[in-house]
Amino acid sequence: MKIDRVIVGSLEENCYIVTKNNKTIIIDPGDEAEKIIAACQNKNVVGVLITHHHFDHIGALKEIENYFKIKESKVIEGFNYQVIEVPGHSSDSVVYYFKDDKVMFVGDFIFLNSIGRTDLPSGSAKEMIKSLELIKNYPDDIVLYPGHGDFTTLGYEKSNFKYYY
């Protein structure tokens, strides 16, 4: 699996371009569609995944869908991943877990040394705690690709959970 990061928009959101077996998916096209399209030149883009529907993660979604003639979907043929519901930052927050590659795309659920805000519309601190408890059951060596900032590992972040609740 090849993972490219394109940082877009005023909130510096991480849009990921994920390629495997000559197929590419775009995760969280937050803004600057032209920048994302340029990063996908000569790639076979087959789908788009959204971790949650805040503006900074979907700002370029319609342009991307129209340009590549694709639709947002939770299931994309040719890619093997699990969709894990992790409400807290928002009620529709999900994580995409690529078990074979030991990778999770976590949106604004978990960041390096932090977790997502729960004080925005549809956010819930109570749900965030439940989601963190759920994600503790996954292996420590998973690399987390967040919606903002640098990547981290689940094991490292688990050691910080006690500071979050």
C-alpha atoms as a PDB file:
ATOM      1  CA  MET A   1       0.000   0.000   0.000  1.00  0.00           C
ATOM      2  CA  LYS A   2       1.300   3.445  -0.931  1.00  0.00           C
ATOM      3  CA  ILE A   3      -0.029   6.374   1.102  1.00  0.00           C
ATOM      4  CA  ASP A   4       0.454   9.963  -0.036  1.00  0.00           C
ATOM      5  CA  ARG A   5      -0.682  12.918   2.041  1.00  0.00           C
ATOM      6  CA  VAL A   6      -1.958  16.133   0.487  1.00  0.00           C
ATOM      7  CA  ILE A   7      -2.409  18.917   3.040  1.00  0.00           C
ATOM      8  CA  VAL A   8      -5.330  21.134   2.035  1.00  0.00           C
ATOM      9  CA  GLY A   9      -7.339  24.122   3.199  1.00  0.00           C
ATOM     10  CA  SER A  10      -6.955  26.756   5.868  1.00  0.00           C
ATOM     11  CA  LEU A  11      -7.169  24.124   8.634  1.00  0.00           C
ATOM     12  CA  GLU A  12      -4.387  22.087   6.992  1.00  0.00           C
ATOM     13  CA  GLU A  13      -6.487  18.938   6.696  1.00  0.00           C
ATOM     14  CA  ASN A  14      -4.799  15.696   5.622  1.00  0.00           C
ATOM     15  CA  CYS A  15      -6.276  14.250   2.458  1.00  0.00           C
ATOM     16  CA  TYR A  16      -4.861  10.798   1.772  1.00  0.00           C
ATOM     17  CA  ILE A  17      -4.261   9.237  -1.636  1.00  0.00           C
ATOM     18  CA  VAL A  18      -4.066   5.476  -1.092  1.00  0.00           C
ATOM     19  CA  THR A  19      -2.909   3.162  -3.865  1.00  0.00           C
ATOM     20  CA  LYS A  20      -2.839  -0.607  -3.836  1.00  0.00           C
ATOM     21  CA  ASN A  21      -2.817  -3.075  -6.727  1.00  0.00           C
ATOM     22  CA  ASN A  22      -3.032  -0.228  -9.273  1.00  0.00           C
ATOM     23  CA  LYS A  23      -6.234   1.142  -7.725  1.00  0.00           C
ATOM     24  CA  THR A  24      -6.462   4.406  -5.805  1.00  0.00           C
ATOM     25  CA  ILE A  25      -8.881   5.781  -3.248  1.00  0.00           C
ATOM     26  CA  ILE A  26      -9.057   9.298  -1.874  1.00  0.00           C
ATOM     27  CA  ILE A  27      -9.742   9.738   1.834  1.00  0.00           C
ATOM     28  CA  ASP A  28     -11.201  13.030   3.127  1.00  0.00           C
ATOM     29  CA  PRO A  29     -10.923  15.478   0.195  1.00  0.00           C
ATOM     30  CA  GLY A  30     -11.270  18.534   2.426  1.00  0.00           C
ATOM     31  CA  ASP A  31     -10.457  21.429   0.086  1.00  0.00           C
ATOM     32  CA  GLU A  32      -8.380  22.470  -2.919  1.00  0.00           C
ATOM     33  CA  ALA A  33      -9.773  19.903  -5.370  1.00  0.00           C
ATOM     34  CA  GLU A  34      -7.233  20.932  -8.021  1.00  0.00           C
ATOM     35  CA  LYS A  35      -4.358  20.007  -5.679  1.00  0.00           C
ATOM     36  CA  ILE A  36      -5.907  16.590  -4.981  1.00  0.00           C
ATOM     37  CA  ILE A  37      -6.610  15.981  -8.671  1.00  0.00           C
ATOM     38  CA  ALA A  38      -2.998  16.846  -9.521  1.00  0.00           C
ATOM     39  CA  ALA A  39      -1.771  14.355  -6.900  1.00  0.00           C
ATOM     40  CA  CYS A  40      -3.912  11.674  -8.563  1.00  0.00           C
ATOM     41  CA  GLN A  41      -2.672  12.136 -12.126  1.00  0.00           C
ATOM     42  CA  ASN A  42      -2.007   8.822 -13.880  1.00  0.00           C
ATOM     43  CA  LYS A  43      -3.763   6.950 -11.073  1.00  0.00           C
ATOM     44  CA  ASN A  44      -6.824   4.723 -11.380  1.00  0.00           C
ATOM     45  CA  VAL A  45      -9.095   6.458  -8.831  1.00  0.00           C
ATOM     46  CA  VAL A  46     -11.930   4.083  -7.949  1.00  0.00           C
ATOM     47  CA  GLY A  47     -13.513   5.625  -4.874  1.00  0.00           C
ATOM     48  CA  VAL A  48     -13.595   8.139  -2.050  1.00  0.00           C
ATOM     49  CA  LEU A  49     -13.931   7.557   1.694  1.00  0.00           C
ATOM     50  CA  ILE A  50     -15.037  10.124   4.281  1.00  0.00           C
ATOM     51  CA  THR A  51     -14.207   9.777   7.986  1.00  0.00           C
ATOM     52  CA  HIS A  52     -16.867  12.330   8.988  1.00  0.00           C
ATOM     53  CA  HIS A  53     -18.816  15.124   7.326  1.00  0.00           C
ATOM     54  CA  HIS A  54     -17.268  18.288   8.784  1.00  0.00           C
ATOM     55  CA  PHE A  55     -16.582  20.962   6.162  1.00  0.00           C
ATOM     56  CA  ASP A  56     -12.804  20.633   6.369  1.00  0.00           C
ATOM     57  CA  HIS A  57     -13.030  16.949   5.361  1.00  0.00           C
ATOM     58  CA  ILE A  58     -15.598  17.188   2.557  1.00  0.00           C
ATOM     59  CA  GLY A  59     -15.047  20.648   1.038  1.00  0.00           C
ATOM     60  CA  ALA A  60     -13.779  19.221  -2.274  1.00  0.00           C
ATOM     61  CA  LEU A  61     -15.936  16.077  -2.252  1.00  0.00           C
ATOM     62  CA  LYS A  62     -18.386  17.073  -4.997  1.00  0.00           C
ATOM     63  CA  GLU A  63     -15.611  18.281  -7.309  1.00  0.00           C
ATOM     64  CA  ILE A  64     -13.658  15.066  -6.757  1.00  0.00           C
ATOM     65  CA  GLU A  65     -16.738  12.909  -7.343  1.00  0.00           C
ATOM     66  CA  ASN A  66     -17.544  14.778 -10.553  1.00  0.00           C
ATOM     67  CA  TYR A  67     -13.987  14.815 -11.893  1.00  0.00           C
ATOM     68  CA  PHE A  68     -13.302  11.112 -11.318  1.00  0.00           C
ATOM     69  CA  LYS A  69     -16.930  10.024 -11.831  1.00  0.00           C
ATOM     70  CA  ILE A  70     -17.010   8.263  -8.464  1.00  0.00           C
ATOM     71  CA  LYS A  71     -19.245   8.416  -5.416  1.00  0.00           C
ATOM     72  CA  GLU A  72     -18.561   8.427  -1.708  1.00  0.00           C
ATOM     73  CA  SER A  73     -19.080   4.937  -0.348  1.00  0.00           C
ATOM     74  CA  LYS A  74     -18.118   2.937   2.722  1.00  0.00           C
ATOM     75  CA  VAL A  75     -17.364  -0.088   0.496  1.00  0.00           C
ATOM     76  CA  ILE A  76     -14.889   0.084  -2.392  1.00  0.00           C
ATOM     77  CA  GLU A  77     -14.154  -3.014  -4.447  1.00  0.00           C
ATOM     78  CA  GLY A  78     -10.505  -4.038  -4.501  1.00  0.00           C
ATOM     79  CA  PHE A  79      -9.739  -2.705  -1.022  1.00  0.00           C
ATOM     80  CA  ASN A  80      -9.973  -4.807   2.121  1.00  0.00           C
ATOM     81  CA  TYR A  81     -10.772  -2.742   5.225  1.00  0.00           C
ATOM     82  CA  GLN A  82     -13.075  -2.610   8.201  1.00  0.00           C
ATOM     83  CA  VAL A  83     -15.310   0.383   8.929  1.00  0.00           C
ATOM     84  CA  ILE A  84     -15.357   1.084  12.671  1.00  0.00           C
ATOM     85  CA  GLU A  85     -17.910   3.536  14.060  1.00  0.00           C
ATOM     86  CA  VAL A  86     -16.236   5.880  16.555  1.00  0.00           C
ATOM     87  CA  PRO A  87     -18.721   8.610  17.523  1.00  0.00           C
ATOM     88  CA  GLY A  88     -17.456  11.353  19.795  1.00  0.00           C
ATOM     89  CA  HIS A  89     -15.884  14.042  17.642  1.00  0.00           C
ATOM     90  CA  SER A  90     -19.053  13.804  15.558  1.00  0.00           C
ATOM     91  CA  SER A  91     -21.934  11.350  15.512  1.00  0.00           C
ATOM     92  CA  ASP A  92     -20.897  10.047  12.070  1.00  0.00           C
ATOM     93  CA  SER A  93     -17.164   9.558  12.768  1.00  0.00           C
ATOM     94  CA  VAL A  94     -15.672   6.334  11.422  1.00  0.00           C
ATOM     95  CA  VAL A  95     -12.217   4.794  11.190  1.00  0.00           C
ATOM     96  CA  TYR A  96     -11.044   2.764   8.196  1.00  0.00           C
ATOM     97  CA  TYR A  97      -8.871  -0.124   9.366  1.00  0.00           C
ATOM     98  CA  PHE A  98      -6.685  -1.832   6.765  1.00  0.00           C
ATOM     99  CA  LYS A  99      -5.694  -4.876   8.832  1.00  0.00           C
ATOM    100  CA  ASP A 100      -3.340  -6.415   6.244  1.00  0.00           C
ATOM    101  CA  ASP A 101      -1.340  -3.173   6.129  1.00  0.00           C
ATOM    102  CA  LYS A 102      -1.635  -2.337   9.870  1.00  0.00           C
ATOM    103  CA  VAL A 103      -3.052   1.089   9.039  1.00  0.00           C
ATOM    104  CA  MET A 104      -6.030   3.127  10.288  1.00  0.00           C
ATOM    105  CA  PHE A 105      -7.323   6.355   8.798  1.00  0.00           C
ATOM    106  CA  VAL A 106      -8.840   7.985  11.874  1.00  0.00           C
ATOM    107  CA  GLY A 107     -10.070  11.429  10.758  1.00  0.00           C
ATOM    108  CA  ASP A 108     -10.458  13.689  13.781  1.00  0.00           C
ATOM    109  CA  PHE A 109     -10.939  10.811  16.251  1.00  0.00           C
ATOM    110  CA  ILE A 110      -7.299  10.553  17.394  1.00  0.00           C
ATOM    111  CA  PHE A 111      -4.308  12.808  16.730  1.00  0.00           C
ATOM    112  CA  LEU A 112      -0.668  12.632  17.744  1.00  0.00           C
ATOM    113  CA  ASN A 113      -0.840  13.349  21.508  1.00  0.00           C
ATOM    114  CA  SER A 114      -4.532  14.277  21.407  1.00  0.00           C
ATOM    115  CA  ILE A 115      -8.090  13.359  20.506  1.00  0.00           C
ATOM    116  CA  GLY A 116     -10.770  15.184  18.551  1.00  0.00           C
ATOM    117  CA  ARG A 117     -12.899  17.916  20.036  1.00  0.00           C
ATOM    118  CA  THR A 118     -16.283  16.843  21.358  1.00  0.00           C
ATOM    119  CA  ASP A 119     -17.828  20.301  21.791  1.00  0.00           C
ATOM    120  CA  LEU A 120     -18.900  20.730  18.146  1.00  0.00           C
ATOM    121  CA  PRO A 121     -22.425  19.947  16.876  1.00  0.00           C
ATOM    122  CA  SER A 122     -23.168  16.192  17.203  1.00  0.00           C
ATOM    123  CA  GLY A 123     -20.008  15.688  19.297  1.00  0.00           C
ATOM    124  CA  SER A 124     -20.191  13.856  22.621  1.00  0.00           C
ATOM    125  CA  ALA A 125     -17.564  13.363  25.327  1.00  0.00           C
ATOM    126  CA  LYS A 126     -19.479  10.319  26.593  1.00  0.00           C
ATOM    127  CA  GLU A 127     -19.442   8.730  23.113  1.00  0.00           C
ATOM    128  CA  MET A 128     -15.758   9.613  22.677  1.00  0.00           C
ATOM    129  CA  ILE A 129     -14.881   7.658  25.821  1.00  0.00           C
ATOM    130  CA  LYS A 130     -16.821   4.627  24.530  1.00  0.00           C
ATOM    131  CA  SER A 131     -15.033   4.891  21.176  1.00  0.00           C
ATOM    132  CA  LEU A 132     -11.606   5.107  22.834  1.00  0.00           C
ATOM    133  CA  GLU A 133     -12.455   2.029  24.925  1.00  0.00           C
ATOM    134  CA  LEU A 134     -13.451   0.203  21.722  1.00  0.00           C
ATOM    135  CA  ILE A 135     -10.277   1.111  19.821  1.00  0.00           C
ATOM    136  CA  LYS A 136      -8.109  -0.127  22.732  1.00  0.00           C
ATOM    137  CA  ASN A 137      -8.940  -3.665  21.567  1.00  0.00           C
ATOM    138  CA  TYR A 138      -6.897  -3.267  18.381  1.00  0.00           C
ATOM    139  CA  PRO A 139      -3.152  -4.022  18.079  1.00  0.00           C
ATOM    140  CA  ASP A 140      -0.610  -1.462  19.282  1.00  0.00           C
ATOM    141  CA  ASP A 141       1.458  -1.566  16.077  1.00  0.00           C
ATOM    142  CA  ILE A 142      -1.254  -0.032  13.889  1.00  0.00           C
ATOM    143  CA  VAL A 143      -0.149   3.232  12.290  1.00  0.00           C
ATOM    144  CA  LEU A 144      -2.784   5.973  12.670  1.00  0.00           C
ATOM    145  CA  TYR A 145      -3.237   8.535   9.904  1.00  0.00           C
ATOM    146  CA  PRO A 146      -5.198  11.464  11.383  1.00  0.00           C
ATOM    147  CA  GLY A 147      -7.154  14.250   9.732  1.00  0.00           C
ATOM    148  CA  HIS A 148      -4.616  16.869  10.847  1.00  0.00           C
ATOM    149  CA  GLY A 149      -0.951  16.688  11.820  1.00  0.00           C
ATOM    150  CA  ASP A 150       1.506  13.820  11.801  1.00  0.00           C
ATOM    151  CA  PHE A 151       0.889  10.090  11.953  1.00  0.00           C
ATOM    152  CA  THR A 152       1.302   8.110  15.159  1.00  0.00           C
ATOM    153  CA  THR A 153       0.747   4.566  16.417  1.00  0.00           C
ATOM    154  CA  LEU A 154      -2.169   3.178  18.340  1.00  0.00           C
ATOM    155  CA  GLY A 155       0.107   1.804  21.069  1.00  0.00           C
ATOM    156  CA  TYR A 156       1.636   5.211  21.683  1.00  0.00           C
ATOM    157  CA  GLU A 157      -1.770   6.893  21.800  1.00  0.00           C
ATOM    158  CA  LYS A 158      -3.249   4.228  24.097  1.00  0.00           C
ATOM    159  CA  SER A 159      -0.651   5.227  26.677  1.00  0.00           C
ATOM    160  CA  ASN A 160      -2.102   8.775  26.564  1.00  0.00           C
ATOM    161  CA  PHE A 161      -5.791   7.825  26.837  1.00  0.00           C
ATOM    162  CA  LYS A 162      -5.731   8.123  30.640  1.00  0.00           C
ATOM    163  CA  TYR A 163      -5.126  11.869  30.210  1.00  0.00           C
ATOM    164  CA  TYR A 164      -8.191  12.309  28.003  1.00  0.00           C
ATOM    165  CA  TYR A 165     -10.882  11.018  30.388  1.00  0.00           C
END
